[in-house]
PDB file of N, CA and C in Angstrom:
ATOM      1  N   MET A   1      85.062 195.167-101.176  1.00  0.00           N
ATOM      2  CA  MET A   1      86.074 195.519-102.316  1.00  0.00           C
ATOM      3  C   MET A   1      85.344 196.038-103.498  1.00  0.00           C
ATOM      4  N   ALA A   2      85.409 197.226-103.730  1.00  0.00           N
ATOM      5  CA  ALA A   2      84.797 197.790-104.889  1.00  0.00           C
ATOM      6  C   ALA A   2      85.399 197.313-106.292  1.00  0.00           C
ATOM      7  N   ASN A   3      86.541 196.974-106.336  1.00  0.00           N
ATOM      8  CA  ASN A   3      87.272 196.593-107.630  1.00  0.00           C
ATOM      9  C   ASN A   3      87.178 195.129-108.048  1.00  0.00           C
ATOM     10  N   SER A   4      86.722 194.303-107.048  1.00  0.00           N
ATOM     11  CA  SER A   4      86.770 192.941-107.174  1.00  0.00           C
ATOM     12  C   SER A   4      85.767 192.448-108.245  1.00  0.00           C
ATOM     13  N   PRO A   5      86.153 191.531-109.044  1.00  0.00           N
ATOM     14  CA  PRO A   5      85.249 191.037-110.114  1.00  0.00           C
ATOM     15  C   PRO A   5      84.064 190.340-109.465  1.00  0.00           C
ATOM     16  N   GLN A   6      82.840 190.505-110.010  1.00  0.00           N
ATOM     17  CA  GLN A   6      81.593 189.848-109.441  1.00  0.00           C
ATOM     18  C   GLN A   6      81.511 188.499-110.307  1.00  0.00           C
ATOM     19  N   ARG A   7      81.336 187.429-109.546  1.00  0.00           N
ATOM     20  CA  ARG A   7      81.130 186.059-110.053  1.00  0.00           C
ATOM     21  C   ARG A   7      79.666 185.726-110.048  1.00  0.00           C
ATOM     22  N   THR A   8      79.044 185.250-110.921  1.00  0.00           N
ATOM     23  CA  THR A   8      77.664 184.824-110.969  1.00  0.00           C
ATOM     24  C   THR A   8      77.668 183.326-110.335  1.00  0.00           C
ATOM     25  N   PRO A   9      76.563 182.902-109.828  1.00  0.00           N
ATOM     26  CA  PRO A   9      76.556 181.439-109.359  1.00  0.00           C
ATOM     27  C   PRO A   9      76.786 180.481-110.477  1.00  0.00           C
ATOM     28  N   GLN A  10      76.380 180.656-111.689  1.00  0.00           N
ATOM     29  CA  GLN A  10      76.422 179.801-112.787  1.00  0.00           C
ATOM     30  C   GLN A  10      77.960 179.525-113.140  1.00  0.00           C
ATOM     31  N   ASP A  11      78.867 180.379-112.771  1.00  0.00           N
ATOM     32  CA  ASP A  11      80.212 180.201-113.096  1.00  0.00           C
ATOM     33  C   ASP A  11      80.735 179.129-112.166  1.00  0.00           C
ATOM     34  N   ASP A  12      80.180 178.841-111.032  1.00  0.00           N
ATOM     35  CA  ASP A  12      80.584 177.884-110.161  1.00  0.00           C
ATOM     36  C   ASP A  12      80.125 176.434-110.452  1.00  0.00           C
ATOM     37  N   ASN A  13      79.293 176.334-111.332  1.00  0.00           N
ATOM     38  CA  ASN A  13      78.572 175.113-111.696  1.00  0.00           C
ATOM     39  C   ASN A  13      79.552 174.076-112.098  1.00  0.00           C
ATOM     40  N   PRO A  14      79.719 173.020-111.421  1.00  0.00           N
ATOM     41  CA  PRO A  14      80.751 171.956-112.046  1.00  0.00           C
ATOM     42  C   PRO A  14      80.369 171.178-113.372  1.00  0.00           C
ATOM     43  N   TRP A  15      78.964 171.125-113.460  1.00  0.00           N
ATOM     44  CA  TRP A  15      78.471 170.413-114.600  1.00  0.00           C
ATOM     45  C   TRP A  15      78.792 171.360-115.908  1.00  0.00           C
ATOM     46  N   ARG A  16      78.666 172.562-115.775  1.00  0.00           N
ATOM     47  CA  ARG A  16      79.012 173.476-116.934  1.00  0.00           C
ATOM     48  C   ARG A  16      80.479 173.269-117.332  1.00  0.00           C
ATOM     49  N   ALA A  17      81.350 173.249-116.331  1.00  0.00           N
ATOM     50  CA  ALA A  17      82.742 172.910-116.566  1.00  0.00           C
ATOM     51  C   ALA A  17      83.066 171.596-117.338  1.00  0.00           C
ATOM     52  N   ALA A  18      82.254 170.611-116.708  1.00  0.00           N
ATOM     53  CA  ALA A  18      82.485 169.235-117.278  1.00  0.00           C
ATOM     54  C   ALA A  18      81.940 169.202-118.732  1.00  0.00           C
ATOM     55  N   GLY A  19      80.899 169.825-118.966  1.00  0.00           N
ATOM     56  CA  GLY A  19      80.395 170.053-120.399  1.00  0.00           C
ATOM     57  C   GLY A  19      81.329 170.629-121.314  1.00  0.00           C
ATOM     58  N   LEU A  20      82.039 171.669-120.776  1.00  0.00           N
ATOM     59  CA  LEU A  20      83.047 172.464-121.627  1.00  0.00           C
ATOM     60  C   LEU A  20      84.093 171.452-121.942  1.00  0.00           C
ATOM     61  N   VAL A  21      84.578 170.718-120.993  1.00  0.00           N
ATOM     62  CA  VAL A  21      85.647 169.766-121.171  1.00  0.00           C
ATOM     63  C   VAL A  21      85.342 168.639-122.212  1.00  0.00           C
ATOM     64  N   MET A  22      84.040 168.159-122.000  1.00  0.00           N
ATOM     65  CA  MET A  22      83.566 167.054-122.988  1.00  0.00           C
ATOM     66  C   MET A  22      83.415 167.627-124.363  1.00  0.00           C
ATOM     67  N   ALA A  23      82.863 168.842-124.473  1.00  0.00           N
ATOM     68  CA  ALA A  23      82.715 169.567-125.690  1.00  0.00           C
ATOM     69  C   ALA A  23      84.112 169.685-126.518  1.00  0.00           C
ATOM     70  N   ILE A  24      85.090 170.156-125.780  1.00  0.00           N
ATOM     71  CA  ILE A  24      86.416 170.377-126.431  1.00  0.00           C
ATOM     72  C   ILE A  24      87.048 169.022-126.793  1.00  0.00           C
ATOM     73  N   GLY A  25      86.945 167.991-125.969  1.00  0.00           N
ATOM     74  CA  GLY A  25      87.499 166.662-126.401  1.00  0.00           C
ATOM     75  C   GLY A  25      86.755 166.139-127.589  1.00  0.00           C
ATOM     76  N   ALA A  26      85.434 166.335-127.548  1.00  0.00           N
ATOM     77  CA  ALA A  26      84.672 165.790-128.769  1.00  0.00           C
ATOM     78  C   ALA A  26      84.962 166.453-130.058  1.00  0.00           C
ATOM     79  N   GLU A  27      85.061 167.805-129.930  1.00  0.00           N
ATOM     80  CA  GLU A  27      85.408 168.547-131.143  1.00  0.00           C
ATOM     81  C   GLU A  27      86.869 168.366-131.659  1.00  0.00           C
ATOM     82  N   LEU A  28      87.760 168.098-130.759  1.00  0.00           N
ATOM     83  CA  LEU A  28      89.048 167.875-131.204  1.00  0.00           C
ATOM     84  C   LEU A  28      89.221 166.458-131.884  1.00  0.00           C
ATOM     85  N   ALA A  29      88.538 165.417-131.302  1.00  0.00           N
ATOM     86  CA  ALA A  29      88.441 164.128-131.785  1.00  0.00           C
ATOM     87  C   ALA A  29      87.812 164.123-133.234  1.00  0.00           C
ATOM     88  N   ILE A  30      86.697 164.805-133.302  1.00  0.00           N
ATOM     89  CA  ILE A  30      85.871 164.730-134.663  1.00  0.00           C
ATOM     90  C   ILE A  30      86.669 165.485-135.624  1.00  0.00           C
ATOM     91  N   LEU A  31      87.217 166.634-135.418  1.00  0.00           N
ATOM     92  CA  LEU A  31      88.008 167.465-136.351  1.00  0.00           C
ATOM     93  C   LEU A  31      89.264 166.834-136.804  1.00  0.00           C
ATOM     94  N   ILE A  32      89.957 166.188-135.877  1.00  0.00           N
ATOM     95  CA  ILE A  32      91.193 165.449-136.239  1.00  0.00           C
ATOM     96  C   ILE A  32      90.832 164.231-137.088  1.00  0.00           C
ATOM     97  N   GLY A  33      89.943 163.559-136.641  1.00  0.00           N
ATOM     98  CA  GLY A  33      89.605 162.404-137.432  1.00  0.00           C
ATOM     99  C   GLY A  33      88.933 162.645-138.847  1.00  0.00           C
ATOM    100  N   LEU A  34      88.105 163.758-138.964  1.00  0.00           N
ATOM    101  CA  LEU A  34      87.660 164.183-140.160  1.00  0.00           C
ATOM    102  C   LEU A  34      88.785 164.720-141.129  1.00  0.00           C
ATOM    103  N   GLY A  35      89.708 165.445-140.543  1.00  0.00           N
ATOM    104  CA  GLY A  35      90.951 165.827-141.377  1.00  0.00           C
ATOM    105  C   GLY A  35      91.675 164.550-141.810  1.00  0.00           C
ATOM    106  N   TRP A  36      91.952 163.701-140.958  1.00  0.00           N
ATOM    107  CA  TRP A  36      92.799 162.507-141.343  1.00  0.00           C
ATOM    108  C   TRP A  36      91.984 161.727-142.432  1.00  0.00           C
ATOM    109  N   TRP A  37      90.706 161.547-142.192  1.00  0.00           N
ATOM    110  CA  TRP A  37      89.902 160.736-143.163  1.00  0.00           C
ATOM    111  C   TRP A  37      89.941 161.474-144.619  1.00  0.00           C
ATOM    112  N   LEU A  38      89.750 162.731-144.571  1.00  0.00           N
ATOM    113  CA  LEU A  38      89.753 163.419-145.936  1.00  0.00           C
ATOM    114  C   LEU A  38      91.221 163.413-146.536  1.00  0.00           C
ATOM    115  N   GLY A  39      92.080 163.356-145.738  1.00  0.00           N
ATOM    116  CA  GLY A  39      93.575 163.265-146.211  1.00  0.00           C
ATOM    117  C   GLY A  39      93.701 161.704-146.772  1.00  0.00           C
ATOM    118  N   VAL A  40      93.101 160.693-146.188  1.00  0.00           N
ATOM    119  CA  VAL A  40      93.201 159.432-146.706  1.00  0.00           C
ATOM    120  C   VAL A  40      92.418 159.419-148.053  1.00  0.00           C
ATOM    121  N   MET A  41      91.311 159.952-148.095  1.00  0.00           N
ATOM    122  CA  MET A  41      90.537 159.996-149.304  1.00  0.00           C
ATOM    123  C   MET A  41      91.243 160.588-150.419  1.00  0.00           C
ATOM    124  N   TYR A  42      92.088 161.754-150.075  1.00  0.00           N
ATOM    125  CA  TYR A  42      92.797 162.447-151.101  1.00  0.00           C
ATOM    126  C   TYR A  42      94.046 161.582-151.648  1.00  0.00           C
ATOM    127  N   ASP A  43      94.627 160.779-150.726  1.00  0.00           N
ATOM    128  CA  ASP A  43      95.734 160.038-150.966  1.00  0.00           C
ATOM    129  C   ASP A  43      95.188 158.851-151.899  1.00  0.00           C
ATOM    130  N   ASP A  44      94.084 158.338-151.612  1.00  0.00           N
ATOM    131  CA  ASP A  44      93.614 157.089-152.407  1.00  0.00           C
ATOM    132  C   ASP A  44      93.259 157.630-153.879  1.00  0.00           C
ATOM    133  N   SER A  45      92.701 158.822-154.026  1.00  0.00           N
ATOM    134  CA  SER A  45      92.286 159.218-155.361  1.00  0.00           C
ATOM    135  C   SER A  45      93.449 159.888-156.133  1.00  0.00           C
ATOM    136  N   ASN A  46      94.456 160.353-155.456  1.00  0.00           N
ATOM    137  CA  ASN A  46      95.409 160.947-156.209  1.00  0.00           C
ATOM    138  C   ASN A  46      96.896 160.203-156.254  1.00  0.00           C
ATOM    139  N   GLY A  47      96.985 159.125-155.475  1.00  0.00           N
ATOM    140  CA  GLY A  47      98.121 158.323-155.425  1.00  0.00           C
ATOM    141  C   GLY A  47      99.182 158.983-154.682  1.00  0.00           C
ATOM    142  N   THR A  48      98.908 159.851-153.637  1.00  0.00           N
ATOM    143  CA  THR A  48     100.007 160.597-152.904  1.00  0.00           C
ATOM    144  C   THR A  48     100.230 159.705-151.561  1.00  0.00           C
ATOM    145  N   GLU A  49     101.149 160.108-150.789  1.00  0.00           N
ATOM    146  CA  GLU A  49     101.462 159.306-149.668  1.00  0.00           C
ATOM    147  C   GLU A  49     101.227 160.245-148.349  1.00  0.00           C
ATOM    148  N   TYR A  50     101.322 161.523-148.432  1.00  0.00           N
ATOM    149  CA  TYR A  50     101.260 162.264-147.221  1.00  0.00           C
ATOM    150  C   TYR A  50     100.094 163.168-147.094  1.00  0.00           C
ATOM    151  N   GLY A  51      98.964 162.870-147.754  1.00  0.00           N
ATOM    152  CA  GLY A  51      97.764 163.714-147.550  1.00  0.00           C
ATOM    153  C   GLY A  51      97.096 163.455-146.208  1.00  0.00           C
ATOM    154  N   TYR A  52      97.334 162.214-145.707  1.00  0.00           N
ATOM    155  CA  TYR A  52      96.675 161.918-144.444  1.00  0.00           C
ATOM    156  C   TYR A  52      97.308 162.876-143.325  1.00  0.00           C
ATOM    157  N   LEU A  53      98.556 162.951-143.400  1.00  0.00           N
ATOM    158  CA  LEU A  53      99.330 163.868-142.378  1.00  0.00           C
ATOM    159  C   LEU A  53      98.739 165.344-142.540  1.00  0.00           C
ATOM    160  N   THR A  54      98.738 165.729-143.795  1.00  0.00           N
ATOM    161  CA  THR A  54      98.312 167.248-143.977  1.00  0.00           C
ATOM    162  C   THR A  54      96.860 167.284-143.363  1.00  0.00           C
ATOM    163  N   GLY A  55      95.991 166.315-143.658  1.00  0.00           N
ATOM    164  CA  GLY A  55      94.612 166.470-143.117  1.00  0.00           C
ATOM    165  C   GLY A  55      94.606 166.338-141.541  1.00  0.00           C
ATOM    166  N   PHE A  56      95.491 165.571-141.074  1.00  0.00           N
ATOM    167  CA  PHE A  56      95.601 165.388-139.536  1.00  0.00           C
ATOM    168  C   PHE A  56      96.037 166.914-139.030  1.00  0.00           C
ATOM    169  N   ILE A  57      96.927 167.496-139.588  1.00  0.00           N
ATOM    170  CA  ILE A  57      97.504 168.734-139.072  1.00  0.00           C
ATOM    171  C   ILE A  57      96.402 169.800-139.255  1.00  0.00           C
ATOM    172  N   VAL A  58      95.741 169.865-140.366  1.00  0.00           N
ATOM    173  CA  VAL A  58      94.735 170.741-140.554  1.00  0.00           C
ATOM    174  C   VAL A  58      93.526 170.634-139.540  1.00  0.00           C
ATOM    175  N   GLY A  59      93.239 169.305-139.346  1.00  0.00           N
ATOM    176  CA  GLY A  59      92.229 168.955-138.378  1.00  0.00           C
ATOM    177  C   GLY A  59      92.515 169.407-137.017  1.00  0.00           C
ATOM    178  N   LEU A  60      93.903 169.177-136.595  1.00  0.00           N
ATOM    179  CA  LEU A  60      94.292 169.601-135.324  1.00  0.00           C
ATOM    180  C   LEU A  60      94.190 171.184-135.090  1.00  0.00           C
ATOM    181  N   ILE A  61      94.759 171.863-136.208  1.00  0.00           N
ATOM    182  CA  ILE A  61      94.659 173.317-136.008  1.00  0.00           C
ATOM    183  C   ILE A  61      93.122 173.862-136.010  1.00  0.00           C
ATOM    184  N   ALA A  62      92.206 173.247-136.695  1.00  0.00           N
ATOM    185  CA  ALA A  62      90.898 173.592-136.598  1.00  0.00           C
ATOM    186  C   ALA A  62      90.336 173.324-135.198  1.00  0.00           C
ATOM    187  N   GLY A  63      90.726 172.085-134.708  1.00  0.00           N
ATOM    188  CA  GLY A  63      90.249 171.724-133.308  1.00  0.00           C
ATOM    189  C   GLY A  63      90.749 172.700-132.174  1.00  0.00           C
ATOM    190  N   ILE A  64      91.987 173.108-132.319  1.00  0.00           N
ATOM    191  CA  ILE A  64      92.556 174.093-131.348  1.00  0.00           C
ATOM    192  C   ILE A  64      91.869 175.361-131.530  1.00  0.00           C
ATOM    193  N   GLY A  65      91.611 175.764-132.689  1.00  0.00           N
ATOM    194  CA  GLY A  65      90.882 177.082-132.939  1.00  0.00           C
ATOM    195  C   GLY A  65      89.449 177.040-132.248  1.00  0.00           C
ATOM    196  N   SER A  66      88.757 175.908-132.445  1.00  0.00           N
ATOM    197  CA  SER A  66      87.449 175.712-132.064  1.00  0.00           C
ATOM    198  C   SER A  66      87.583 175.626-130.533  1.00  0.00           C
ATOM    199  N   ALA A  67      88.483 175.118-129.904  1.00  0.00           N
ATOM    200  CA  ALA A  67      88.554 174.918-128.465  1.00  0.00           C
ATOM    201  C   ALA A  67      88.824 176.314-127.804  1.00  0.00           C
ATOM    202  N   VAL A  68      89.616 177.089-128.453  1.00  0.00           N
ATOM    203  CA  VAL A  68      89.959 178.583-127.982  1.00  0.00           C
ATOM    204  C   VAL A  68      88.563 179.326-128.065  1.00  0.00           C
ATOM    205  N   GLY A  69      87.720 179.114-129.109  1.00  0.00           N
ATOM    206  CA  GLY A  69      86.562 179.765-129.203  1.00  0.00           C
ATOM    207  C   GLY A  69      85.635 179.401-128.192  1.00  0.00           C
ATOM    208  N   LEU A  70      85.454 178.201-127.834  1.00  0.00           N
ATOM    209  CA  LEU A  70      84.676 177.501-126.809  1.00  0.00           C
ATOM    210  C   LEU A  70      85.034 178.149-125.515  1.00  0.00           C
ATOM    211  N   ILE A  71      86.308 178.157-125.254  1.00  0.00           N
ATOM    212  CA  ILE A  71      86.697 178.747-123.881  1.00  0.00           C
ATOM    213  C   ILE A  71      86.471 180.075-123.720  1.00  0.00           C
ATOM    214  N   ARG A  72      86.700 180.874-124.850  1.00  0.00           N
ATOM    215  CA  ARG A  72      86.310 182.361-124.761  1.00  0.00           C
ATOM    216  C   ARG A  72      84.833 182.486-124.450  1.00  0.00           C
ATOM    217  N   LYS A  73      83.924 181.665-125.122  1.00  0.00           N
ATOM    218  CA  LYS A  73      82.598 181.816-124.968  1.00  0.00           C
ATOM    219  C   LYS A  73      82.263 181.498-123.517  1.00  0.00           C
ATOM    220  N   TYR A  74      82.917 180.494-122.978  1.00  0.00           N
ATOM    221  CA  TYR A  74      82.648 179.985-121.623  1.00  0.00           C
ATOM    222  C   TYR A  74      83.034 181.016-120.589  1.00  0.00           C
ATOM    223  N   ALA A  75      84.141 181.728-120.945  1.00  0.00           N
ATOM    224  CA  ALA A  75      84.705 182.777-119.977  1.00  0.00           C
ATOM    225  C   ALA A  75      83.907 184.116-120.152  1.00  0.00           C
ATOM    226  N   GLY A  76      83.013 184.138-120.995  1.00  0.00           N
ATOM    227  CA  GLY A  76      82.138 185.337-121.257  1.00  0.00           C
ATOM    228  C   GLY A  76      82.702 186.402-122.091  1.00  0.00           C
ATOM    229  N   GLY A  77      83.612 186.051-122.954  1.00  0.00           N
ATOM    230  CA  GLY A  77      84.245 187.007-123.925  1.00  0.00           C
ATOM    231  C   GLY A  77      85.362 187.739-123.564  1.00  0.00           C
ATOM    232  N   LYS A  78      85.774 187.382-122.164  1.00  0.00           N
ATOM    233  CA  LYS A  78      86.928 188.094-121.462  1.00  0.00           C
ATOM    234  C   LYS A  78      88.220 187.455-122.223  1.00  0.00           C
ATOM    235  N   LYS A  79      89.172 188.395-122.138  1.00  0.00           N
ATOM    236  CA  LYS A  79      90.455 187.873-122.712  1.00  0.00           C
ATOM    237  C   LYS A  79      91.165 186.994-121.639  1.00  0.00           C
ATOM    238  N   LEU A  80      91.735 185.947-122.145  1.00  0.00           N
ATOM    239  CA  LEU A  80      92.388 185.095-121.206  1.00  0.00           C
ATOM    240  C   LEU A  80      93.798 185.304-120.792  1.00  0.00           C
TER     241      LEU A  80
END
C-alpha cells in the first residue's frame, strides 16, 4: 500500500511510551504544586484568601500546555 504511513521501530518501543507517561505525570505534579505553593506565598504576604486557588489553576493550565507539547514532540510534530 503506497499511501500507508511508515512506522519506525522506535515508535513501537514500550519504554519510550512509559517515559512519556511518567514525564507528563511528573510535569503536571510539579507545575500544579509550584502554582499552589506560589499562591500560598502570595496569600501569606498579602493577606488574601484565594491566591492558592489561582496558583493551582495557573499551574494546571501550564501543566496541560506542557503535556500537549510533549505529546506533539513524541508524535513527531504531527497534528493529533
